[in-house]
C-alpha atoms as a PDB file:
ATOM      1  CA  MET A   1      95.958 -68.594 184.222  1.00  0.00           C
ATOM      2  CA  SER A   2      99.641 -69.232 183.582  1.00  0.00           C
ATOM      3  CA  THR A   3     100.516 -69.094 187.283  1.00  0.00           C
ATOM      4  CA  THR A   4      97.369 -70.791 188.601  1.00  0.00           C
ATOM      5  CA  ALA A   5      97.901 -74.132 186.849  1.00  0.00           C
ATOM      6  CA  PRO A   6     101.490 -74.737 188.109  1.00  0.00           C
ATOM      7  CA  ARG A   7     100.414 -73.750 191.624  1.00  0.00           C
ATOM      8  CA  ALA A   8      97.492 -76.183 191.488  1.00  0.00           C
ATOM      9  CA  ARG A   9      99.825 -78.955 190.289  1.00  0.00           C
ATOM     10  CA  ARG A  10     102.205 -78.232 193.160  1.00  0.00           C
ATOM     11  CA  VAL A  11      99.322 -78.374 195.642  1.00  0.00           C
ATOM     12  CA  ARG A  12      98.115 -81.692 194.188  1.00  0.00           C
ATOM     13  CA  GLY A  13     101.643 -83.074 194.222  1.00  0.00           C
ATOM     14  CA  LYS A  14     102.114 -82.046 197.836  1.00  0.00           C
ATOM     15  CA  GLY A  15      98.790 -83.621 198.784  1.00  0.00           C
ATOM     16  CA  ALA A  16      99.707 -86.860 197.016  1.00  0.00           C
ATOM     17  CA  GLY A  17     103.062 -86.933 198.784  1.00  0.00           C
ATOM     18  CA  LEU A  18     101.450 -86.419 202.176  1.00  0.00           C
ATOM     19  CA  GLY A  19      98.893 -89.115 201.381  1.00  0.00           C
ATOM     20  CA  LEU A  20     101.656 -91.564 200.437  1.00  0.00           C
ATOM     21  CA  LEU A  21     103.547 -90.729 203.630  1.00  0.00           C
ATOM     22  CA  ALA A  22     100.388 -91.324 205.677  1.00  0.00           C
ATOM     23  CA  TRP A  23      99.903 -94.729 204.052  1.00  0.00           C
ATOM     24  CA  LEU A  24     103.530 -95.693 204.709  1.00  0.00           C
ATOM     25  CA  LEU A  25     103.242 -94.674 208.362  1.00  0.00           C
ATOM     26  CA  GLY A  26      99.976 -96.589 208.687  1.00  0.00           C
ATOM     27  CA  ILE A  27     101.558 -99.720 207.228  1.00  0.00           C
ATOM     28  CA  ALA A  28     104.567 -99.314 209.530  1.00  0.00           C
ATOM     29  CA  PHE A  29     102.302 -99.136 212.584  1.00  0.00           C
ATOM     30  CA  PHE A  30     100.161-102.069 211.399  1.00  0.00           C
ATOM     31  CA  LEU A  31     103.074-104.341 210.437  1.00  0.00           C
ATOM     32  CA  PRO A  32     103.935-105.512 214.013  1.00  0.00           C
ATOM     33  CA  ILE A  33     100.284-106.458 214.614  1.00  0.00           C
ATOM     34  CA  ALA A  34     100.147-108.378 211.342  1.00  0.00           C
ATOM     35  CA  TRP A  35     103.424-110.111 212.208  1.00  0.00           C
ATOM     36  CA  MET A  36     102.068-111.081 215.637  1.00  0.00           C
ATOM     37  CA  ALA A  37      98.841-112.406 214.099  1.00  0.00           C
ATOM     38  CA  LEU A  38     100.774-114.499 211.557  1.00  0.00           C
ATOM     39  CA  THR A  39     103.117-115.874 214.221  1.00  0.00           C
ATOM     40  CA  SER A  40     100.172-116.850 216.409  1.00  0.00           C
ATOM     41  CA  LEU A  41      98.886-119.084 213.582  1.00  0.00           C
ATOM     42  CA  HIS A  42     102.144-121.058 213.318  1.00  0.00           C
ATOM     43  CA  SER A  43     103.316-124.005 215.323  1.00  0.00           C
ATOM     44  CA  GLU A  44     105.933-123.340 217.985  1.00  0.00           C
ATOM     45  CA  THR A  45     108.645-124.901 215.835  1.00  0.00           C
ATOM     46  CA  ASP A  46     107.815-122.759 212.794  1.00  0.00           C
ATOM     47  CA  ALA A  47     107.379-119.616 214.920  1.00  0.00           C
ATOM     48  CA  ALA A  48     110.854-120.030 216.386  1.00  0.00           C
ATOM     49  CA  THR A  49     112.668-120.260 213.036  1.00  0.00           C
ATOM     50  CA  ASN A  50     114.973-117.391 212.113  1.00  0.00           C
ATOM     51  CA  PRO A  51     114.268-115.959 209.593  1.00  0.00           C
ATOM     52  CA  PRO A  52     110.570-116.764 209.966  1.00  0.00           C
ATOM     53  CA  SER A  53     108.946-119.123 207.517  1.00  0.00           C
ATOM     54  CA  PHE A  54     106.037-117.391 205.783  1.00  0.00           C
ATOM     55  CA  ALA A  55     105.073-120.569 203.895  1.00  0.00           C
ATOM     56  CA  ALA A  56     104.682-122.653 207.068  1.00  0.00           C
ATOM     57  CA  SER A  57     101.394-124.398 207.676  1.00  0.00           C
ATOM     58  CA  LEU A  58      98.823-122.576 209.787  1.00  0.00           C
ATOM     59  CA  THR A  59      97.322-123.915 212.989  1.00  0.00           C
ATOM     60  CA  LEU A  60      95.136-122.740 215.875  1.00  0.00           C
ATOM     61  CA  ASP A  61      97.093-124.630 218.536  1.00  0.00           C
ATOM     62  CA  GLY A  62      98.325-121.407 220.122  1.00  0.00           C
ATOM     63  CA  TYR A  63      94.765-120.176 220.640  1.00  0.00           C
ATOM     64  CA  ARG A  64      93.621-123.560 221.927  1.00  0.00           C
ATOM     65  CA  GLU A  65      96.394-123.571 224.520  1.00  0.00           C
ATOM     66  CA  PHE A  66      95.597-120.000 225.510  1.00  0.00           C
ATOM     67  CA  PHE A  67      91.981-120.924 226.230  1.00  0.00           C
ATOM     68  CA  GLY A  68      93.078-123.892 228.342  1.00  0.00           C
ATOM     69  CA  ALA A  69      92.643-126.753 225.857  1.00  0.00           C
ATOM     70  CA  GLY A  70      95.964-128.259 226.915  1.00  0.00           C
ATOM     71  CA  GLY A  71      95.052-128.378 230.584  1.00  0.00           C
ATOM     72  CA  GLY A  72      96.307-124.889 231.410  1.00  0.00           C
ATOM     73  CA  ALA A  73      94.568-122.164 233.372  1.00  0.00           C
ATOM     74  CA  SER A  74      91.484-120.555 231.862  1.00  0.00           C
ATOM     75  CA  PRO A  75      91.938-116.899 230.779  1.00  0.00           C
ATOM     76  CA  TRP A  76      88.298-115.952 231.373  1.00  0.00           C
ATOM     77  CA  PRO A  77      88.633-114.883 235.028  1.00  0.00           C
ATOM     78  CA  ALA A  78      91.544-112.597 234.127  1.00  0.00           C
ATOM     79  CA  LEU A  79      89.681-111.160 231.127  1.00  0.00           C
ATOM     80  CA  ILE A  80      86.598-110.531 233.264  1.00  0.00           C
ATOM     81  CA  ASN A  81      88.718-108.835 235.945  1.00  0.00           C
ATOM     82  CA  SER A  82      90.311-106.542 233.365  1.00  0.00           C
ATOM     83  CA  THR A  83      86.908-105.724 231.906  1.00  0.00           C
ATOM     84  CA  VAL A  84      85.424-104.888 235.321  1.00  0.00           C
ATOM     85  CA  ALA A  85      88.423-102.817 236.429  1.00  0.00           C
ATOM     86  CA  SER A  86      88.693-100.917 233.132  1.00  0.00           C
ATOM     87  CA  LEU A  87      84.990-100.188 232.633  1.00  0.00           C
ATOM     88  CA  ALA A  88      84.273 -99.331 236.279  1.00  0.00           C
ATOM     89  CA  SER A  89      87.291 -97.039 236.611  1.00  0.00           C
ATOM     90  CA  THR A  90      86.532 -95.338 233.288  1.00  0.00           C
ATOM     91  CA  LEU A  91      82.934 -94.693 234.368  1.00  0.00           C
ATOM     92  CA  LEU A  92      84.086 -93.236 237.697  1.00  0.00           C
ATOM     93  CA  VAL A  93      86.671 -91.062 235.944  1.00  0.00           C
ATOM     94  CA  LEU A  94      84.024 -89.609 233.625  1.00  0.00           C
ATOM     95  CA  LEU A  95      81.613 -88.948 236.498  1.00  0.00           C
ATOM     96  CA  LEU A  96      84.328 -87.089 238.429  1.00  0.00           C
ATOM     97  CA  ALA A  97      86.165 -85.397 235.557  1.00  0.00           C
ATOM     98  CA  PHE A  98      83.110 -83.997 233.782  1.00  0.00           C
ATOM     99  CA  PRO A  99      81.937 -81.589 236.547  1.00  0.00           C
ATOM    100  CA  ALA A 100      85.560 -80.770 237.410  1.00  0.00           C
ATOM    101  CA  ALA A 101      86.279 -79.850 233.795  1.00  0.00           C
ATOM    102  CA  TYR A 102      83.104 -77.740 233.725  1.00  0.00           C
ATOM    103  CA  ALA A 103      84.305 -75.823 236.778  1.00  0.00           C
ATOM    104  CA  LEU A 104      87.713 -75.286 235.195  1.00  0.00           C
ATOM    105  CA  SER A 105      86.601 -74.313 231.695  1.00  0.00           C
ATOM    106  CA  ILE A 106      83.115 -72.758 231.642  1.00  0.00           C
ATOM    107  CA  ASN A 107      82.155 -71.780 235.187  1.00  0.00           C
ATOM    108  CA  ARG A 108      85.764 -71.156 236.151  1.00  0.00           C
ATOM    109  CA  VAL A 109      86.834 -71.214 239.773  1.00  0.00           C
ATOM    110  CA  ARG A 110      89.555 -68.962 241.191  1.00  0.00           C
ATOM    111  CA  LYS A 111      93.114 -69.889 240.216  1.00  0.00           C
ATOM    112  CA  TRP A 112      91.857 -72.542 237.843  1.00  0.00           C
ATOM    113  CA  THR A 113      95.203 -72.689 236.033  1.00  0.00           C
ATOM    114  CA  ASP A 114      96.930 -73.625 239.301  1.00  0.00           C
ATOM    115  CA  VAL A 115      94.421 -76.420 239.757  1.00  0.00           C
ATOM    116  CA  LEU A 116      95.153 -77.764 236.280  1.00  0.00           C
ATOM    117  CA  PHE A 117      98.906 -77.738 236.862  1.00  0.00           C
ATOM    118  CA  PHE A 118      98.387 -79.475 240.191  1.00  0.00           C
ATOM    119  CA  PHE A 119      96.503 -82.246 238.386  1.00  0.00           C
ATOM    120  CA  LEU A 120      99.309 -82.488 235.845  1.00  0.00           C
ATOM    121  CA  SER A 121     101.991 -82.611 238.561  1.00  0.00           C
ATOM    122  CA  THR A 122     100.454 -85.802 239.953  1.00  0.00           C
ATOM    123  CA  LYS A 123     101.413 -87.583 236.714  1.00  0.00           C
ATOM    124  CA  MET A 124     105.078 -86.629 237.117  1.00  0.00           C
ATOM    125  CA  LEU A 125     105.623 -89.024 240.031  1.00  0.00           C
ATOM    126  CA  PRO A 126     106.977 -92.390 238.821  1.00  0.00           C
ATOM    127  CA  ALA A 127     104.444 -95.102 239.507  1.00  0.00           C
ATOM    128  CA  VAL A 128     107.042 -97.317 241.145  1.00  0.00           C
ATOM    129  CA  ALA A 129     107.711 -94.605 243.747  1.00  0.00           C
ATOM    130  CA  GLY A 130     104.209 -95.010 245.152  1.00  0.00           C
ATOM    131  CA  LEU A 131     104.121 -98.788 244.871  1.00  0.00           C
ATOM    132  CA  LEU A 132     105.371 -99.630 248.370  1.00  0.00           C
ATOM    133  CA  PRO A 133     103.079 -97.200 250.274  1.00  0.00           C
ATOM    134  CA  ILE A 134     100.068 -98.409 248.295  1.00  0.00           C
ATOM    135  CA  TYR A 135     101.031-102.035 248.919  1.00  0.00           C
ATOM    136  CA  LEU A 136     101.357-101.448 252.669  1.00  0.00           C
ATOM    137  CA  PHE A 137      98.030 -99.606 252.747  1.00  0.00           C
ATOM    138  CA  ALA A 138      96.298-102.386 250.817  1.00  0.00           C
ATOM    139  CA  LYS A 139      97.831-105.022 253.082  1.00  0.00           C
ATOM    140  CA  ASN A 140      96.739-103.288 256.292  1.00  0.00           C
ATOM    141  CA  ALA A 141      93.271-102.640 254.852  1.00  0.00           C
ATOM    142  CA  GLY A 142      92.886-106.251 253.755  1.00  0.00           C
ATOM    143  CA  MET A 143      92.427-105.267 250.105  1.00  0.00           C
ATOM    144  CA  LEU A 144      95.229-107.235 248.487  1.00  0.00           C
ATOM    145  CA  ASP A 145      94.045-109.371 245.568  1.00  0.00           C
ATOM    146  CA  ASN A 146      90.852-107.293 245.379  1.00  0.00           C
ATOM    147  CA  ILE A 147      89.560-106.054 242.029  1.00  0.00           C
ATOM    148  CA  TRP A 148      87.985-102.954 243.615  1.00  0.00           C
ATOM    149  CA  LEU A 149      91.404-101.813 244.795  1.00  0.00           C
ATOM    150  CA  LEU A 150      92.461-101.710 241.143  1.00  0.00           C
ATOM    151  CA  VAL A 151      89.301 -99.788 240.281  1.00  0.00           C
ATOM    152  CA  ILE A 152      90.204 -97.124 242.862  1.00  0.00           C
ATOM    153  CA  LEU A 153      93.826 -96.992 241.706  1.00  0.00           C
ATOM    154  CA  TYR A 154      92.973 -96.772 238.012  1.00  0.00           C
ATOM    155  CA  THR A 155      90.437 -94.035 238.728  1.00  0.00           C
ATOM    156  CA  SER A 156      92.979 -91.949 240.619  1.00  0.00           C
ATOM    157  CA  MET A 157      95.651 -92.562 237.986  1.00  0.00           C
ATOM    158  CA  ASN A 158      93.488 -91.576 235.011  1.00  0.00           C
ATOM    159  CA  LEU A 159      91.557 -88.723 236.617  1.00  0.00           C
ATOM    160  CA  PRO A 160      94.220 -85.983 236.093  1.00  0.00           C
ATOM    161  CA  ILE A 161      94.664 -86.638 232.377  1.00  0.00           C
ATOM    162  CA  ALA A 162      90.880 -86.928 231.963  1.00  0.00           C
ATOM    163  CA  VAL A 163      90.320 -83.532 233.600  1.00  0.00           C
ATOM    164  CA  TRP A 164      92.965 -81.977 231.362  1.00  0.00           C
ATOM    165  CA  MET A 165      91.457 -83.453 228.210  1.00  0.00           C
ATOM    166  CA  MET A 166      87.852 -82.648 229.035  1.00  0.00           C
ATOM    167  CA  GLN A 167      88.738 -79.125 230.135  1.00  0.00           C
ATOM    168  CA  SER A 168      90.102 -78.395 226.669  1.00  0.00           C
ATOM    169  CA  PHE A 169      87.005 -79.925 225.084  1.00  0.00           C
ATOM    170  CA  LEU A 170      84.496 -78.026 227.231  1.00  0.00           C
ATOM    171  CA  ALA A 171      86.345 -74.752 226.696  1.00  0.00           C
ATOM    172  CA  GLU A 172      85.189 -74.877 223.056  1.00  0.00           C
ATOM    173  CA  ILE A 173      81.493 -74.840 223.992  1.00  0.00           C
ATOM    174  CA  PRO A 174      79.897 -71.425 223.312  1.00  0.00           C
ATOM    175  CA  VAL A 175      79.048 -69.711 226.571  1.00  0.00           C
ATOM    176  CA  ALA A 176      75.922 -68.244 224.956  1.00  0.00           C
ATOM    177  CA  VAL A 177      74.352 -71.712 224.807  1.00  0.00           C
ATOM    178  CA  ILE A 178      74.802 -72.213 228.548  1.00  0.00           C
ATOM    179  CA  GLU A 179      73.576 -68.707 229.334  1.00  0.00           C
ATOM    180  CA  ALA A 180      70.449 -69.347 227.259  1.00  0.00           C
ATOM    181  CA  ALA A 181      69.787 -72.510 229.262  1.00  0.00           C
ATOM    182  CA  LYS A 182      70.174 -70.557 232.506  1.00  0.00           C
ATOM    183  CA  VAL A 183      67.724 -67.916 231.266  1.00  0.00           C
ATOM    184  CA  ASP A 184      65.211 -70.700 230.594  1.00  0.00           C
ATOM    185  CA  GLY A 185      65.527 -71.754 234.221  1.00  0.00           C
ATOM    186  CA  ALA A 186      67.759 -74.816 233.795  1.00  0.00           C
ATOM    187  CA  ARG A 187      69.705 -75.848 236.878  1.00  0.00           C
ATOM    188  CA  LEU A 188      73.277 -77.110 236.902  1.00  0.00           C
ATOM    189  CA  PRO A 189      72.450 -80.869 236.619  1.00  0.00           C
ATOM    190  CA  THR A 190      70.185 -80.122 233.651  1.00  0.00           C
ATOM    191  CA  ILE A 191      72.837 -77.945 232.011  1.00  0.00           C
ATOM    192  CA  LEU A 192      75.473 -80.637 232.427  1.00  0.00           C
ATOM    193  CA  GLY A 193      73.277 -83.504 231.290  1.00  0.00           C
ATOM    194  CA  ARG A 194      71.204 -81.959 228.503  1.00  0.00           C
ATOM    195  CA  VAL A 195      73.313 -79.086 227.190  1.00  0.00           C
ATOM    196  CA  VAL A 196      77.015 -79.609 227.829  1.00  0.00           C
ATOM    197  CA  ALA A 197      77.202 -83.415 227.565  1.00  0.00           C
ATOM    198  CA  PRO A 198      75.595 -83.765 224.086  1.00  0.00           C
ATOM    199  CA  ILE A 199      77.782 -81.007 222.642  1.00  0.00           C
ATOM    200  CA  SER A 200      80.990 -82.448 224.126  1.00  0.00           C
ATOM    201  CA  LEU A 201      80.141 -86.095 223.338  1.00  0.00           C
ATOM    202  CA  PRO A 202      83.136 -86.589 220.966  1.00  0.00           C
ATOM    203  CA  GLY A 203      85.494 -85.304 223.658  1.00  0.00           C
ATOM    204  CA  ILE A 204      83.887 -87.537 226.280  1.00  0.00           C
ATOM    205  CA  ALA A 205      84.247 -90.544 223.972  1.00  0.00           C
ATOM    206  CA  ALA A 206      87.922 -89.778 223.315  1.00  0.00           C
ATOM    207  CA  THR A 207      88.605 -89.383 227.038  1.00  0.00           C
ATOM    208  CA  ALA A 208      86.766 -92.595 227.876  1.00  0.00           C
ATOM    209  CA  LEU A 209      88.663 -94.582 225.251  1.00  0.00           C
ATOM    210  CA  ILE A 210      92.057 -93.349 226.418  1.00  0.00           C
ATOM    211  CA  CYS A 211      91.225 -94.050 230.079  1.00  0.00           C
ATOM    212  CA  PHE A 212      89.990 -97.526 229.116  1.00  0.00           C
ATOM    213  CA  ILE A 213      93.209 -98.263 227.225  1.00  0.00           C
ATOM    214  CA  PHE A 214      95.391 -97.061 230.106  1.00  0.00           C
ATOM    215  CA  SER A 215      93.440 -99.184 232.590  1.00  0.00           C
ATOM    216  CA  TRP A 216      93.387-102.293 230.403  1.00  0.00           C
ATOM    217  CA  ASN A 217      97.133-102.171 229.713  1.00  0.00           C
ATOM    218  CA  GLU A 218      98.283-101.393 233.285  1.00  0.00           C
ATOM    219  CA  LEU A 219     100.628-104.081 234.586  1.00  0.00           C
ATOM    220  CA  LEU A 220     102.811-102.823 237.445  1.00  0.00           C
ATOM    221  CA  PHE A 221     100.179-102.376 240.161  1.00  0.00           C
ATOM    222  CA  ALA A 222      98.146-105.345 238.968  1.00  0.00           C
ATOM    223  CA  ARG A 223     101.238-107.550 239.117  1.00  0.00           C
ATOM    224  CA  VAL A 224     102.140-106.552 242.683  1.00  0.00           C
ATOM    225  CA  LEU A 225      98.714-106.075 244.270  1.00  0.00           C
ATOM    226  CA  THR A 226      96.838-109.064 242.841  1.00  0.00           C
ATOM    227  CA  GLY A 227      97.255-112.801 243.089  1.00  0.00           C
ATOM    228  CA  VAL A 228      94.718-115.327 241.857  1.00  0.00           C
ATOM    229  CA  VAL A 229      91.306-113.791 242.514  1.00  0.00           C
ATOM    230  CA  ALA A 230      91.890-110.326 240.992  1.00  0.00           C
ATOM    231  CA  GLU A 231      94.474-111.272 238.365  1.00  0.00           C
ATOM    232  CA  THR A 232      94.099-109.150 235.215  1.00  0.00           C
ATOM    233  CA  ALA A 233      94.718-110.041 231.588  1.00  0.00           C
ATOM    234  CA  PRO A 234      98.223-108.458 231.313  1.00  0.00           C
ATOM    235  CA  VAL A 235      99.302-110.325 234.458  1.00  0.00           C
ATOM    236  CA  PHE A 236      97.869-113.548 233.038  1.00  0.00           C
ATOM    237  CA  LEU A 237      99.820-112.936 229.836  1.00  0.00           C
ATOM    238  CA  THR A 238     103.139-112.766 231.674  1.00  0.00           C
ATOM    239  CA  GLY A 239     102.573-116.338 232.852  1.00  0.00           C
ATOM    240  CA  PHE A 240     103.094-117.559 229.293  1.00  0.00           C
ATOM    241  CA  ILE A 241     106.684-116.293 229.226  1.00  0.00           C
ATOM    242  CA  THR A 242     109.019-118.979 230.476  1.00  0.00           C
ATOM    243  CA  SER A 243     112.670-119.863 230.051  1.00  0.00           C
ATOM    244  CA  GLN A 244     111.829-123.496 229.347  1.00  0.00           C
ATOM    245  CA  GLY A 245     110.466-124.648 226.022  1.00  0.00           C
ATOM    246  CA  LEU A 246     109.038-122.831 223.032  1.00  0.00           C
ATOM    247  CA  PHE A 247     106.306-120.314 223.729  1.00  0.00           C
ATOM    248  CA  LEU A 248     106.413-117.668 220.978  1.00  0.00           C
ATOM    249  CA  ALA A 249     103.265-118.725 219.087  1.00  0.00           C
ATOM    250  CA  LYS A 250     101.267-119.084 222.299  1.00  0.00           C
ATOM    251  CA  VAL A 251     102.417-115.672 223.561  1.00  0.00           C
ATOM    252  CA  CYS A 252     101.468-114.047 220.244  1.00  0.00           C
ATOM    253  CA  ALA A 253      98.054-115.710 220.343  1.00  0.00           C
ATOM    254  CA  ALA A 254      97.500-114.550 223.924  1.00  0.00           C
ATOM    255  CA  SER A 255      98.706-111.031 223.119  1.00  0.00           C
ATOM    256  CA  LEU A 256      96.368-110.774 220.137  1.00  0.00           C
ATOM    257  CA  VAL A 257      93.333-111.973 222.107  1.00  0.00           C
ATOM    258  CA  ILE A 258      94.070-109.597 225.004  1.00  0.00           C
ATOM    259  CA  SER A 259      94.563-106.701 222.565  1.00  0.00           C
ATOM    260  CA  LEU A 260      91.257-107.317 220.776  1.00  0.00           C
ATOM    261  CA  PRO A 261      89.020-105.394 223.247  1.00  0.00           C
ATOM    262  CA  VAL A 262      91.186-102.279 222.901  1.00  0.00           C
ATOM    263  CA  LEU A 263      91.359-102.606 219.121  1.00  0.00           C
ATOM    264  CA  ALA A 264      87.605-103.183 218.899  1.00  0.00           C
ATOM    265  CA  ALA A 265      86.836-100.209 221.135  1.00  0.00           C
ATOM    266  CA  GLY A 266      89.148 -97.972 219.119  1.00  0.00           C
ATOM    267  CA  PHE A 267      87.623 -99.117 215.833  1.00  0.00           C
ATOM    268  CA  ALA A 268      84.058 -98.655 217.082  1.00  0.00           C
ATOM    269  CA  ALA A 269      84.754 -95.172 218.434  1.00  0.00           C
ATOM    270  CA  GLN A 270      87.174 -93.997 215.757  1.00  0.00           C
ATOM    271  CA  ASP A 271      84.859 -91.248 214.460  1.00  0.00           C
ATOM    272  CA  LYS A 272      84.224 -89.854 217.931  1.00  0.00           C
ATOM    273  CA  LEU A 273      87.911 -90.254 218.777  1.00  0.00           C
ATOM    274  CA  VAL A 274      89.067 -88.198 215.788  1.00  0.00           C
ATOM    275  CA  GLN A 275      86.469 -85.517 216.464  1.00  0.00           C
ATOM    276  CA  GLY A 276      87.303 -85.405 220.157  1.00  0.00           C
ATOM    277  CA  LEU A 277      91.065 -85.238 219.738  1.00  0.00           C
ATOM    278  CA  SER A 278      90.674 -82.462 217.155  1.00  0.00           C
ATOM    279  CA  LEU A 279      88.567 -80.288 219.480  1.00  0.00           C
ATOM    280  CA  GLY A 280      90.542 -77.307 220.634  1.00  0.00           C
ATOM    281  CA  ALA A 281      93.225 -77.812 217.977  1.00  0.00           C
ATOM    282  CA  VAL A 282      91.930 -74.984 215.778  1.00  0.00           C
ATOM    283  CA  LYS A 283      90.307 -71.881 217.162  1.00  0.00           C
END
């Protein structure tokens, strides 16, 4: 008993210290978002003061200007384009990555490790290196300023990381469950849809959320390959940055509104995200 009590106190003290550290890190990550939200509620004059004035009056002028109340361009077409490109590309990535991950984890093909490293090697090429060839291809194909070009690009960009993630998730599924389904006469589509998919749902949700975030935040290709018709939300946001006049409050308001879909999706899927990202971490 004499050694158990001090050990228990040390364990509790260590747990409390780790909990405090986690709270401090959480506050540190949340502080820039809170600062941006507060700045978006100030007038341009108050937002530009240095140091910032926390007691300044609050206003929604930045949000009104973002939504075109001052005669500016409406953000809705850009938000709709980002939604279409992100959701469509994420759906295509899942449809392609799920059977590929099954073939690389459960029903493994020959040299499956080489296939995985090939997928990973495609992410090592800097995006700007492929910008000119893709631009020339899109120009010759008449697909410039086309939202479906972005859907194809985002699908190809996110597919390697999705296959890697889902392969690690599906590798945790007991093979006995799949063999039992085969004994019962289930074919491959039935096994994928009714056996593998429900078990790996947290991993699928985590993969979908990450692919959605990557697609929603992509700027380089959207900036070069789109104009007016297929303009996305990040490209629309860059139009608020100008060297003339004050724009800080309006930019913060626009940034917060454009970040809301990602924040909402992450909050809604946080349970599945934690479960999915923890799959494969502990054998």
